[in-house]
Amino acid sequence: MAYLVVLHACFLAATAARANVYATNLRVRHSTNNAAITPGNPVEISYILNEPATAGLTLQILSDTNLINSFEITSNAPGAMRGTNSIFWDGTDTNGLAVADGLYSISITARSDGFDDWTQTTDDTNDGNFVFEPRGIAVNQNSNSPFYGRVFVGNAHASGGSTDKPGANVGILKLNADGSPADEGIFSTGGYPWAGDFYSPWKIDVATDDKVYINDWNALTEGIVLAFDEEISNYTTILNDDNWPKGGFADLSGPAITGGGTNTQLWMADVSTNFGGSVGVVGFNVDSNGVVADNDTGFVVVSATNSDLDQAPYDVSLDRNGNIYTIQRITDLDSPEERVFRFPAYDGTNAMTNAIWKVGHNDDSLINAYGVAVDSGGNFVAVAARGYGSEGAFQFGGFSIFNAQNGDLVAQFQDGTNSCADVAWDALGNLYVTDAGESVWRAYSPPGTNQSTTVSVPMIQVYSQIIPPQFTTPTLNDTQDALQFTLLGQSNVTYLVESTTDFQTWTPVATNYDSVLTERPFTVAITNDMECFRASVVP
């Protein structure tokens, strides 16, 4: 029977900047595009709750900051349940009157009675939670993104058993906050040849610009970093072996990511103990090309020489103020070395050697520490421990949660079967853990009543009437294999373009959407000498 030990309850009760229930995957007509309607014609607004809104939910329709309409959903009612929920709005205000033409936003506030202790909110039997050898895990914390709340988990070894679950394959799982598959599919390799050798793929982090960074730490690459889009459909190599410090003999685990775009910084842990030992924690700047420049060997921010970090870091995480959290992977139960550290933010000059706090010497629960992550508010730091032993009989494996300000132990989970490889947080203080001992990833909610508000990325355009689309100025391109024309329509309206050769069977060939333009150029391929095209509004 699993058990959770919770300590320092007074500190937990005093920490108010946490919420565990929240709405993600907000869509209008199941799309991330704005949708256009006329009053009286309802439009579906859908969203996913990571757990039930046990204290109810409120959906508001807003014009700028002005409340136009509001829907109150009570506990246990449709709209407040874990998973996918839907509410329909017909373009009217609270008095049932048609609203004026304009663009309207959506706000969803979910509320929960919460739990007394840190509580698991995912289901181990859910197919999406199975990962044969889970290593890295990360969650999109960008509330301005249509992918807000998306969970990424890496499987680093193929299952030897006969399972058809997605997590049996080597690559990356993409999941919604409730553990359901991402819209475009649950699994992808991103076109990258992962080794599947328990270290490839390795750690994962998500930047504020939605890029997903994944470390390939197999014996040949020794820690290159790749950047993917949120669908894990393509990749760019961000950090190469020519970026390794210590004359190329570093061995880099990570990454932790801060910032986004050209303000992105990568933070890596040099785990090497040969050739003079680890250099410590290393930072890299991403250049205007979106990569770390060739032969840029970074800058050491925490030294492993004459330092509180007296062995080698194994993973690294930074809070929003730049404070650095790292761990040492100690496998000797009797070792006096500390296992978890907090260092101050790097000042841009000298590498640090003195930790703000350090904990874990002679602590069996931190044996074989494997992953570290600090929450977005800088309240808690979590550490995953592999422990040691064989499958089903791991000793001391599990995870621990510490007060990020002083290193005091807050909560700890161990049940004798856990072998945790990584930890991550979402934007609201829920903790995510990979457990290689049980081939699963789990989410844990912090204690206490809570609520959170999510504003939808897609909006709703209201028109008094929807104008039928028109094609104008059709011309053939130079090779006469495509037709170019102008589509006259309305902004925020999605149009379906179809073709026919007999005026009886129409085949969809393209969709067209623009959030601004009412007149936009359009091109469709011509596949038949006698081919006609039409456009219609997507309902």
Protein backbone atom coordinates (compact mmCIF):
# COMPACT_ATOMS: atom_id res chain seq x y z
CA MET A 1 0.00 0.00 0.00
CA ALA A 2 1.50 3.35 -1.04
CA TYR A 3 1.85 5.97 1.62
CA LEU A 4 2.55 9.67 1.73
CA VAL A 5 4.16 11.39 4.67
CA VAL A 6 3.32 15.09 5.00
CA LEU A 7 5.26 17.38 7.31
CA HIS A 8 5.32 21.08 8.16
CA ALA A 9 1.57 21.50 7.73
CA CYS A 10 1.72 25.08 8.97
CA PHE A 11 3.92 26.03 6.04
CA LEU A 12 1.59 24.35 3.57
CA ALA A 13 -1.46 26.13 4.93
CA ALA A 14 0.29 29.49 4.65
CA THR A 15 1.20 29.04 0.99
CA ALA A 16 -1.73 30.51 -0.91
CA ALA A 17 -0.29 30.86 -4.44
CA ARG A 18 -1.25 27.32 -5.46
CA ALA A 19 -4.16 25.79 -7.31
CA ASN A 20 -4.61 22.26 -8.54
CA VAL A 21 -7.79 22.21 -10.68
CA TYR A 22 -7.61 24.11 -13.96
CA ALA A 23 -9.05 24.25 -17.47
CA THR A 24 -6.79 23.50 -20.43
CA ASN A 25 -7.13 22.63 -24.12
CA LEU A 26 -9.74 25.39 -24.55
CA ARG A 27 -11.21 25.15 -28.05
CA VAL A 28 -14.02 26.78 -30.01
CA ARG A 29 -15.61 24.35 -32.47
CA HIS A 30 -12.73 22.03 -31.55
CA SER A 31 -10.27 24.47 -33.12
CA THR A 32 -7.57 26.84 -31.90
CA ASN A 33 -8.78 29.40 -34.48
CA ASN A 34 -11.34 32.06 -33.65
CA ALA A 35 -14.90 31.06 -34.61
CA ALA A 36 -17.57 33.26 -36.19
CA ILE A 37 -21.28 33.05 -35.34
CA THR A 38 -24.50 34.99 -35.67
CA PRO A 39 -26.74 35.49 -32.60
CA GLY A 40 -29.09 32.58 -32.09
CA ASN A 41 -26.71 30.02 -33.60
CA PRO A 42 -24.87 28.32 -30.72
CA VAL A 43 -21.15 27.62 -30.82
CA GLU A 44 -19.47 24.87 -28.80
CA ILE A 45 -16.79 25.86 -26.27
CA SER A 46 -14.85 22.84 -25.04
CA TYR A 47 -12.16 22.41 -22.40
CA ILE A 48 -10.43 19.76 -20.33
CA LEU A 49 -10.29 19.68 -16.53
CA ASN A 50 -7.33 17.87 -14.98
CA GLU A 51 -9.60 16.85 -12.09
CA PRO A 52 -13.23 17.53 -11.12
CA ALA A 53 -14.20 21.07 -10.18
CA THR A 54 -15.66 19.89 -6.88
CA ALA A 55 -16.64 23.44 -5.87
CA GLY A 56 -18.13 24.33 -9.24
CA LEU A 57 -17.06 26.19 -12.38
CA THR A 58 -17.85 29.54 -14.00
CA LEU A 59 -17.54 30.27 -17.73
CA GLN A 60 -17.73 33.94 -18.69
CA ILE A 61 -18.12 35.63 -22.07
CA LEU A 62 -16.35 39.00 -22.10
CA SER A 63 -16.05 42.02 -24.36
CA ASP A 64 -12.68 43.40 -23.33
CA THR A 65 -13.20 43.42 -19.54
CA ASN A 66 -17.00 43.79 -19.66
CA LEU A 67 -19.02 40.74 -18.62
CA ILE A 68 -21.53 39.80 -21.35
CA ASN A 69 -22.79 36.42 -20.22
CA SER A 70 -21.99 33.90 -17.52
CA PHE A 71 -22.60 30.17 -17.03
CA GLU A 72 -22.49 28.67 -13.52
CA ILE A 73 -21.84 24.93 -13.31
CA THR A 74 -22.35 23.17 -10.01
CA SER A 75 -20.25 20.35 -8.60
CA ASN A 76 -20.76 16.92 -10.22
CA ALA A 77 -22.72 18.46 -13.09
CA PRO A 78 -21.75 18.20 -16.78
CA GLY A 79 -19.21 20.95 -17.38
CA ALA A 80 -17.44 20.44 -14.05
CA MET A 81 -16.19 16.89 -14.55
CA ARG A 82 -12.66 15.60 -15.03
CA GLY A 83 -11.82 15.30 -18.72
CA THR A 84 -13.50 16.97 -21.69
CA ASN A 85 -16.45 19.30 -21.05
CA SER A 86 -18.55 21.50 -23.35
CA ILE A 87 -20.73 24.57 -22.99
CA PHE A 88 -22.68 26.23 -25.83
CA TRP A 89 -23.08 29.99 -26.28
CA ASP A 90 -25.62 31.41 -28.72
CA GLY A 91 -24.36 35.00 -29.03
CA THR A 92 -26.72 36.51 -26.46
CA ASP A 93 -26.16 38.41 -23.23
CA THR A 94 -27.43 37.68 -19.70
CA ASN A 95 -30.84 39.07 -20.70
CA GLY A 96 -31.13 36.82 -23.74
CA LEU A 97 -30.58 39.70 -26.17
CA ALA A 98 -28.32 39.48 -29.22
CA VAL A 99 -24.90 40.98 -28.61
CA ALA A 100 -23.33 43.57 -30.90
CA ASP A 101 -20.92 42.62 -33.66
CA GLY A 102 -17.48 42.17 -32.19
CA LEU A 103 -14.85 39.84 -30.84
CA TYR A 104 -15.58 38.11 -27.52
CA SER A 105 -13.21 36.26 -25.19
CA ILE A 106 -13.81 33.28 -22.91
CA SER A 107 -12.75 32.90 -19.29
CA ILE A 108 -13.12 29.72 -17.25
CA THR A 109 -12.70 29.63 -13.47
CA ALA A 110 -12.59 26.16 -11.92
CA ARG A 111 -12.85 25.68 -8.15
CA SER A 112 -12.03 22.72 -5.93
CA ASP A 113 -12.56 21.73 -2.30
CA GLY A 114 -9.08 20.24 -2.55
CA PHE A 115 -7.41 17.53 -0.50
CA ASP A 116 -6.03 17.26 3.01
CA ASP A 117 -2.63 16.02 1.79
CA TRP A 118 -0.68 15.76 -1.46
CA THR A 119 -2.90 13.40 -3.45
CA GLN A 120 -2.46 11.44 -6.67
CA THR A 121 -5.01 12.60 -9.26
CA THR A 122 -4.10 10.36 -12.21
CA ASP A 123 -5.13 6.76 -12.87
CA ASP A 124 -2.31 4.21 -13.23
CA THR A 125 -4.56 2.01 -15.38
CA ASN A 126 -5.11 4.73 -17.99
CA ASP A 127 -3.34 3.76 -21.22
CA GLY A 128 -1.83 7.25 -21.53
CA ASN A 129 -0.15 6.95 -18.13
CA PHE A 130 1.75 3.79 -19.06
CA VAL A 131 5.38 4.46 -20.03
CA PHE A 132 7.65 1.44 -20.04
CA GLU A 133 10.89 3.24 -19.09
CA PRO A 134 9.88 6.83 -18.35
CA ARG A 135 12.76 9.26 -17.99
CA GLY A 136 12.00 12.91 -18.72
CA ILE A 137 8.70 14.67 -18.04
CA ALA A 138 7.64 18.30 -18.57
CA VAL A 139 4.46 20.40 -18.68
CA ASN A 140 3.67 23.48 -20.79
CA GLN A 141 3.21 26.38 -18.32
CA ASN A 142 2.43 29.06 -20.93
CA SER A 143 -1.14 30.19 -20.20
CA ASN A 144 -1.16 32.20 -23.47
CA SER A 145 -0.63 29.05 -25.50
CA PRO A 146 -3.30 26.77 -27.02
CA PHE A 147 -1.07 23.96 -25.68
CA TYR A 148 -1.22 25.17 -22.07
CA GLY A 149 -1.11 22.20 -19.69
CA ARG A 150 0.19 19.70 -22.27
CA VAL A 151 2.30 16.93 -20.69
CA PHE A 152 5.36 15.43 -22.40
CA VAL A 153 6.86 12.11 -21.26
CA GLY A 154 9.84 10.32 -22.80
CA ASN A 155 10.05 6.53 -23.03
CA ALA A 156 13.70 5.46 -23.22
CA HIS A 157 13.35 1.73 -23.82
CA ALA A 158 10.96 -0.42 -25.85
CA SER A 159 8.75 -2.79 -23.90
CA GLY A 160 9.78 -6.42 -24.17
CA GLY A 161 6.22 -7.48 -23.46
CA SER A 162 3.27 -7.71 -25.84
CA THR A 163 1.55 -4.39 -25.20
CA ASP A 164 -0.07 -2.08 -27.70
CA LYS A 165 -0.06 0.90 -25.37
CA PRO A 166 1.64 4.00 -26.83
CA GLY A 167 4.14 4.16 -23.97
CA ALA A 168 5.64 0.83 -25.00
CA ASN A 169 7.42 2.56 -27.89
CA VAL A 170 10.62 4.61 -27.78
CA GLY A 171 9.82 8.29 -28.21
CA ILE A 172 7.66 11.03 -26.73
CA LEU A 173 4.12 10.83 -25.37
CA LYS A 174 1.97 13.97 -25.76
CA LEU A 175 -0.95 14.15 -23.37
CA ASN A 176 -3.57 16.53 -22.10
CA ALA A 177 -3.65 17.44 -18.43
CA ASP A 178 -6.15 14.64 -17.71
CA GLY A 179 -3.92 12.00 -19.35
CA SER A 180 -5.92 11.82 -22.59
CA PRO A 181 -4.15 11.85 -25.98
CA ALA A 182 -3.16 15.14 -27.60
CA ASP A 183 -5.48 16.25 -30.41
CA GLU A 184 -3.07 15.29 -33.19
CA GLY A 185 -2.04 11.98 -31.61
CA ILE A 186 -0.49 10.64 -28.43
CA PHE A 187 2.94 9.53 -29.65
CA SER A 188 5.77 10.77 -31.84
CA THR A 189 9.50 10.36 -32.35
CA GLY A 190 9.67 13.79 -33.98
CA GLY A 191 11.59 12.16 -36.82
CA TYR A 192 14.59 11.68 -34.55
CA PRO A 193 16.39 8.30 -34.17
CA TRP A 194 16.17 7.84 -30.40
CA ALA A 195 18.52 5.12 -29.16
CA GLY A 196 16.07 3.66 -26.62
CA ASP A 197 19.00 2.70 -24.39
CA PHE A 198 17.47 4.04 -21.13
CA TYR A 199 19.07 7.48 -21.77
CA SER A 200 17.58 8.44 -25.14
CA PRO A 201 15.24 10.32 -24.83
CA TRP A 202 16.37 11.79 -21.49
CA LYS A 203 15.27 15.00 -19.70
CA ILE A 204 12.60 17.34 -21.14
CA ASP A 205 11.71 21.00 -20.57
CA VAL A 206 9.35 23.49 -22.25
CA ALA A 207 10.24 27.14 -22.93
CA THR A 208 7.88 30.10 -22.64
CA ASP A 209 7.69 30.21 -26.46
CA ASP A 210 6.29 26.64 -26.54
CA LYS A 211 9.48 25.00 -27.82
CA VAL A 212 10.07 21.57 -26.31
CA TYR A 213 13.70 20.83 -25.46
CA ILE A 214 14.80 17.20 -25.11
CA ASN A 215 18.20 15.81 -24.16
CA ASP A 216 19.58 12.79 -26.04
CA TRP A 217 22.05 11.37 -23.54
CA ASN A 218 23.05 8.07 -25.12
CA ALA A 219 26.66 6.89 -25.21
CA LEU A 220 27.29 8.29 -28.69
CA THR A 221 25.72 11.74 -28.41
CA GLU A 222 26.66 12.31 -24.74
CA GLY A 223 23.99 14.91 -24.21
CA ILE A 224 23.01 16.87 -27.31
CA VAL A 225 19.85 18.97 -26.95
CA LEU A 226 17.07 19.07 -29.54
CA ALA A 227 14.21 21.57 -29.88
CA PHE A 228 10.78 20.41 -31.09
CA ASP A 229 7.41 22.04 -31.70
CA GLU A 230 4.50 21.18 -29.40
CA GLU A 231 3.35 18.42 -31.72
CA ILE A 232 6.86 16.87 -31.75
CA SER A 233 6.67 16.91 -35.54
CA ASN A 234 10.16 18.20 -36.37
CA TYR A 235 13.35 19.15 -34.58
CA THR A 236 16.41 21.38 -34.58
CA THR A 237 19.68 20.45 -32.92
CA ILE A 238 20.30 23.22 -30.38
CA LEU A 239 23.35 22.01 -28.49
CA ASN A 240 26.10 19.90 -30.11
CA ASP A 241 29.16 18.12 -28.81
CA ASP A 242 31.30 21.04 -30.01
CA ASN A 243 29.63 23.03 -27.21
CA TRP A 244 31.03 20.77 -24.49
CA PRO A 245 33.27 22.58 -21.97
CA LYS A 246 36.41 21.01 -20.46
CA GLY A 247 38.01 20.45 -23.84
CA GLY A 248 35.02 18.44 -25.02
CA PHE A 249 35.17 15.96 -22.14
CA ALA A 250 32.08 17.17 -20.31
CA ASP A 251 29.01 14.92 -20.08
CA LEU A 252 25.89 17.08 -20.04
CA SER A 253 22.57 16.10 -18.47
CA GLY A 254 19.50 18.33 -18.54
CA PRO A 255 18.26 20.70 -19.83
CA ALA A 256 16.56 23.35 -17.73
CA ILE A 257 15.19 26.17 -19.90
CA THR A 258 14.57 29.80 -18.98
CA GLY A 259 13.11 32.47 -21.23
CA GLY A 260 12.05 32.00 -24.82
CA GLY A 261 12.97 33.08 -28.36
CA THR A 262 16.34 34.83 -28.53
CA ASN A 263 16.20 35.26 -24.73
CA THR A 264 16.35 31.49 -24.23
CA GLN A 265 19.03 30.08 -21.95
CA LEU A 266 19.88 26.41 -21.47
CA TRP A 267 21.26 25.14 -18.19
CA MET A 268 23.03 21.77 -18.07
CA ALA A 269 24.67 19.59 -15.44
CA ASP A 270 28.13 18.16 -16.16
CA VAL A 271 28.01 14.71 -14.59
CA SER A 272 31.51 13.66 -15.69
CA THR A 273 34.00 12.59 -13.05
CA ASN A 274 36.91 11.80 -15.41
CA PHE A 275 39.50 14.18 -16.85
CA GLY A 276 39.65 16.44 -13.84
CA GLY A 277 36.08 15.96 -12.62
CA SER A 278 32.88 17.87 -13.27
CA VAL A 279 32.94 21.57 -14.09
CA GLY A 280 29.53 21.89 -12.38
CA VAL A 281 26.39 23.58 -13.72
CA VAL A 282 26.85 25.24 -17.13
CA GLY A 283 24.73 27.89 -18.89
CA PHE A 284 24.36 28.55 -22.62
CA ASN A 285 22.76 31.42 -24.56
CA VAL A 286 20.61 30.73 -27.61
CA ASP A 287 21.63 32.97 -30.52
CA SER A 288 19.47 34.74 -33.12
CA ASN A 289 19.43 31.55 -35.20
CA GLY A 290 17.72 29.70 -32.37
CA VAL A 291 20.72 27.54 -31.51
CA VAL A 292 23.81 27.69 -29.33
CA ALA A 293 26.57 28.96 -31.62
CA ASP A 294 29.22 26.51 -32.82
CA ASN A 295 32.10 26.13 -30.36
CA ASP A 296 30.31 28.20 -27.70
CA THR A 297 31.23 26.20 -24.59
CA GLY A 298 28.98 28.19 -22.28
CA PHE A 299 29.74 29.61 -18.85
CA VAL A 300 30.08 27.80 -15.53
CA VAL A 301 27.52 29.12 -13.03
CA VAL A 302 28.05 26.63 -10.19
CA SER A 303 31.51 25.17 -9.82
CA ALA A 304 32.14 21.62 -8.65
CA THR A 305 35.65 22.53 -7.49
CA ASN A 306 36.20 23.69 -3.87
CA SER A 307 32.45 23.95 -3.65
CA ASP A 308 29.48 22.77 -1.61
CA LEU A 309 28.76 20.83 -4.81
CA ASP A 310 31.63 18.45 -4.10
CA GLN A 311 30.92 15.61 -6.56
CA ALA A 312 28.97 16.30 -9.75
CA PRO A 313 25.47 17.63 -10.50
CA TYR A 314 23.04 15.22 -12.14
CA ASP A 315 20.15 17.52 -13.07
CA VAL A 316 19.31 21.22 -12.71
CA SER A 317 16.27 23.49 -12.37
CA LEU A 318 15.81 27.27 -12.02
CA ASP A 319 13.00 29.30 -10.49
CA ARG A 320 11.65 32.52 -12.00
CA ASN A 321 14.19 34.57 -10.03
CA GLY A 322 17.10 32.57 -11.40
CA ASN A 323 17.90 30.62 -8.22
CA ILE A 324 19.57 27.35 -9.17
CA TYR A 325 18.57 23.95 -7.77
CA THR A 326 20.65 20.87 -8.43
CA ILE A 327 21.22 17.36 -7.12
CA GLN A 328 24.10 14.94 -6.71
CA ARG A 329 23.48 11.32 -7.60
CA ILE A 330 24.96 9.51 -4.60
CA THR A 331 24.61 5.70 -4.65
CA ASP A 332 26.38 4.91 -1.36
CA LEU A 333 23.91 4.74 1.52
CA ASP A 334 26.58 5.78 4.02
CA SER A 335 27.92 8.69 1.96
CA PRO A 336 28.16 11.99 3.87
CA GLU A 337 27.72 14.15 0.74
CA GLU A 338 24.69 16.40 0.46
CA ARG A 339 22.16 15.45 -2.22
CA VAL A 340 20.04 18.60 -2.88
CA PHE A 341 21.24 22.21 -3.22
CA ARG A 342 19.95 25.70 -3.80
CA PHE A 343 22.41 28.26 -5.16
CA PRO A 344 21.68 31.95 -5.75
CA ALA A 345 21.00 33.38 -9.20
CA TYR A 346 24.08 33.71 -11.40
CA ASP A 347 25.39 37.30 -11.41
CA GLY A 348 27.09 37.01 -14.78
CA THR A 349 30.62 36.99 -13.40
CA ASN A 350 32.03 34.30 -11.14
CA ALA A 351 30.93 30.70 -10.76
CA MET A 352 29.30 30.08 -7.38
CA THR A 353 30.57 27.66 -4.75
CA ASN A 354 28.45 28.44 -1.67
CA ALA A 355 24.91 27.07 -1.53
CA ILE A 356 22.05 28.97 0.12
CA TRP A 357 21.06 25.61 1.59
CA LYS A 358 22.01 21.98 1.13
CA VAL A 359 20.34 18.85 2.46
CA GLY A 360 20.41 15.08 2.21
CA HIS A 361 23.64 13.75 3.68
CA ASN A 362 23.15 10.21 4.98
CA ASP A 363 19.52 10.38 3.79
CA ASP A 364 18.51 7.00 2.41
CA SER A 365 15.37 8.46 0.82
CA LEU A 366 17.58 10.44 -1.58
CA ILE A 367 19.74 7.53 -2.67
CA ASN A 368 20.35 7.60 -6.42
CA ALA A 369 18.74 11.05 -6.88
CA TYR A 370 17.79 11.30 -10.55
CA GLY A 371 15.74 14.44 -11.23
CA VAL A 372 14.99 17.84 -9.70
CA ALA A 373 12.40 20.54 -10.43
CA VAL A 374 11.25 23.73 -8.71
CA ASP A 375 7.69 24.99 -9.08
CA SER A 376 6.91 28.20 -10.97
CA GLY A 377 6.23 30.13 -7.77
CA GLY A 378 9.51 29.13 -6.14
CA ASN A 379 7.66 27.50 -3.24
CA PHE A 380 8.62 23.85 -3.56
CA VAL A 381 11.44 21.83 -5.03
CA ALA A 382 10.85 18.15 -5.83
CA VAL A 383 13.49 15.42 -6.15
CA ALA A 384 13.04 12.03 -7.82
CA ALA A 385 15.06 9.11 -6.42
CA ARG A 386 15.63 5.83 -8.24
CA GLY A 387 16.64 4.02 -5.05
CA TYR A 388 18.21 0.64 -5.63
CA GLY A 389 17.10 -2.96 -6.04
CA SER A 390 15.19 -5.03 -8.57
CA GLU A 391 11.77 -4.50 -10.11
CA GLY A 392 9.02 -4.66 -7.49
CA ALA A 393 11.51 -4.49 -4.63
CA PHE A 394 13.15 -1.07 -4.84
CA GLN A 395 14.48 0.33 -1.61
CA PHE A 396 14.22 4.03 -0.84
CA GLY A 397 13.02 4.94 -4.35
CA GLY A 398 10.33 7.62 -4.60
CA PHE A 399 10.15 11.39 -4.48
CA SER A 400 10.54 14.13 -1.89
CA ILE A 401 9.18 17.69 -1.74
CA PHE A 402 11.17 20.41 0.02
CA ASN A 403 10.51 24.01 0.97
CA ALA A 404 12.38 25.86 -1.77
CA GLN A 405 13.27 28.72 0.57
CA ASN A 406 15.05 26.76 3.31
CA GLY A 407 15.27 23.10 2.28
CA ASP A 408 12.91 21.78 4.96
CA LEU A 409 11.20 18.50 4.06
CA VAL A 410 7.50 19.01 3.25
CA ALA A 411 6.32 15.63 1.94
CA GLN A 412 7.75 12.30 0.88
CA PHE A 413 6.41 9.34 -1.07
CA GLN A 414 7.85 5.81 -0.93
CA ASP A 415 6.13 2.43 -1.01
CA GLY A 416 8.88 -0.07 -1.84
CA THR A 417 8.03 -0.37 -5.56
CA ASN A 418 8.91 3.14 -6.73
CA SER A 419 11.95 4.01 -8.78
CA CYS A 420 11.39 7.62 -9.78
CA ALA A 421 13.44 9.10 -12.61
CA ASP A 422 12.15 12.66 -13.04
CA VAL A 423 9.81 15.32 -11.69
CA ALA A 424 8.09 18.39 -13.15
CA TRP A 425 5.51 21.02 -12.18
CA ASP A 426 2.67 22.66 -14.05
CA ALA A 427 1.92 26.38 -13.76
CA LEU A 428 -0.41 25.86 -10.80
CA GLY A 429 1.66 23.73 -8.45
CA ASN A 430 0.65 20.20 -9.43
CA LEU A 431 3.58 17.79 -9.32
CA TYR A 432 4.30 15.26 -12.08
CA VAL A 433 6.50 12.21 -11.46
CA THR A 434 7.84 9.38 -13.63
CA ASP A 435 8.09 6.00 -11.89
CA ALA A 436 10.26 3.53 -13.82
CA GLY A 437 9.64 0.90 -11.16
CA GLU A 438 5.96 0.73 -12.10
CA SER A 439 6.20 2.00 -15.72
CA VAL A 440 3.91 4.96 -15.15
CA TRP A 441 3.76 8.72 -14.82
CA ARG A 442 1.60 10.31 -12.13
CA ALA A 443 0.28 13.73 -11.14
CA TYR A 444 -0.13 14.88 -7.53
CA SER A 445 -2.26 17.74 -6.29
CA PRO A 446 -1.15 19.95 -3.38
CA PRO A 447 -3.46 20.18 -0.36
CA GLY A 448 -6.02 22.91 0.25
CA THR A 449 -9.06 24.51 -1.36
CA ASN A 450 -8.22 26.37 -4.54
CA GLN A 451 -9.37 27.92 -7.78
CA SER A 452 -7.78 29.01 -11.04
CA THR A 453 -8.82 31.00 -14.12
CA THR A 454 -7.87 30.20 -17.70
CA VAL A 455 -8.52 32.62 -20.57
CA SER A 456 -9.10 30.95 -23.92
CA VAL A 457 -6.70 31.61 -26.77
CA PRO A 458 -9.39 31.24 -29.48
CA MET A 459 -12.12 33.89 -29.35
CA ILE A 460 -15.62 34.19 -30.78
CA GLN A 461 -16.40 36.67 -33.56
CA VAL A 462 -20.07 37.71 -33.64
CA TYR A 463 -21.52 39.02 -36.93
CA SER A 464 -25.08 40.13 -37.62
CA GLN A 465 -24.76 38.02 -40.75
CA ILE A 466 -22.22 35.70 -42.32
CA ILE A 467 -21.44 36.77 -45.89
CA PRO A 468 -21.06 33.95 -48.45
CA PRO A 469 -17.50 33.76 -49.81
CA GLN A 470 -16.60 34.82 -53.34
CA PHE A 471 -13.73 33.98 -55.70
CA THR A 472 -12.35 36.85 -57.83
CA THR A 473 -9.54 37.41 -60.35
CA PRO A 474 -8.77 33.77 -61.11
CA THR A 475 -5.50 33.19 -62.98
CA LEU A 476 -3.34 30.22 -63.81
CA ASN A 477 0.21 30.12 -62.52
CA ASP A 478 3.15 29.94 -64.96
CA THR A 479 3.14 26.14 -65.10
CA GLN A 480 -0.67 26.00 -65.37
CA ASP A 481 -0.93 23.39 -62.62
CA ALA A 482 -2.46 25.69 -59.99
CA LEU A 483 -5.24 28.27 -59.88
CA GLN A 484 -4.59 31.55 -58.09
CA PHE A 485 -7.46 33.78 -56.99
CA THR A 486 -8.64 36.13 -54.28
CA LEU A 487 -11.10 34.85 -51.68
CA LEU A 488 -13.50 37.56 -50.48
CA GLY A 489 -14.96 36.77 -47.07
CA GLN A 490 -14.81 37.84 -43.45
CA SER A 491 -12.14 37.72 -40.79
CA ASN A 492 -12.29 34.89 -38.22
CA VAL A 493 -14.40 32.78 -40.59
CA THR A 494 -13.07 29.40 -41.73
CA TYR A 495 -13.85 28.47 -45.33
CA LEU A 496 -13.79 25.04 -46.94
CA VAL A 497 -12.64 24.89 -50.56
CA GLU A 498 -13.84 21.92 -52.61
CA SER A 499 -13.33 20.73 -56.19
CA THR A 500 -15.43 18.72 -58.64
CA THR A 501 -15.30 17.41 -62.18
CA ASP A 502 -18.97 16.41 -62.45
CA PHE A 503 -20.82 18.87 -60.14
CA GLN A 504 -22.13 15.92 -58.17
CA THR A 505 -19.16 14.78 -56.11
CA TRP A 506 -17.27 17.53 -54.29
CA THR A 507 -13.85 16.79 -52.77
CA PRO A 508 -12.33 18.97 -50.03
CA VAL A 509 -8.96 20.36 -51.18
CA ALA A 510 -8.16 23.09 -48.65
CA THR A 511 -9.37 25.20 -45.75
CA ASN A 512 -8.78 28.92 -45.44
CA TYR A 513 -8.76 31.03 -42.28
CA ASP A 514 -7.46 34.46 -41.36
CA SER A 515 -7.99 36.40 -38.13
CA VAL A 516 -7.52 39.79 -39.86
CA LEU A 517 -7.87 39.81 -43.64
CA THR A 518 -11.23 39.81 -45.44
CA GLU A 519 -9.55 39.61 -48.85
CA ARG A 520 -6.77 37.06 -49.13
CA PRO A 521 -4.90 35.40 -51.97
CA PHE A 522 -5.48 31.70 -52.38
CA THR A 523 -3.94 28.94 -54.49
CA VAL A 524 -5.25 25.44 -55.23
CA ALA A 525 -3.62 22.72 -57.31
CA ILE A 526 -5.30 21.66 -60.57
CA THR A 527 -5.38 17.90 -61.07
CA ASN A 528 -7.87 17.61 -63.95
CA ASP A 529 -8.47 19.47 -67.22
CA MET A 530 -12.11 19.96 -66.30
CA GLU A 531 -12.11 21.01 -62.66
CA CYS A 532 -14.28 23.50 -60.78
CA PHE A 533 -13.96 24.93 -57.30
CA ARG A 534 -16.30 26.34 -54.66
CA ALA A 535 -15.97 27.69 -51.11
CA SER A 536 -18.35 27.44 -48.19
CA VAL A 537 -18.40 28.44 -44.54
CA VAL A 538 -17.27 25.74 -42.11
CA PRO A 539 -20.11 25.46 -39.56
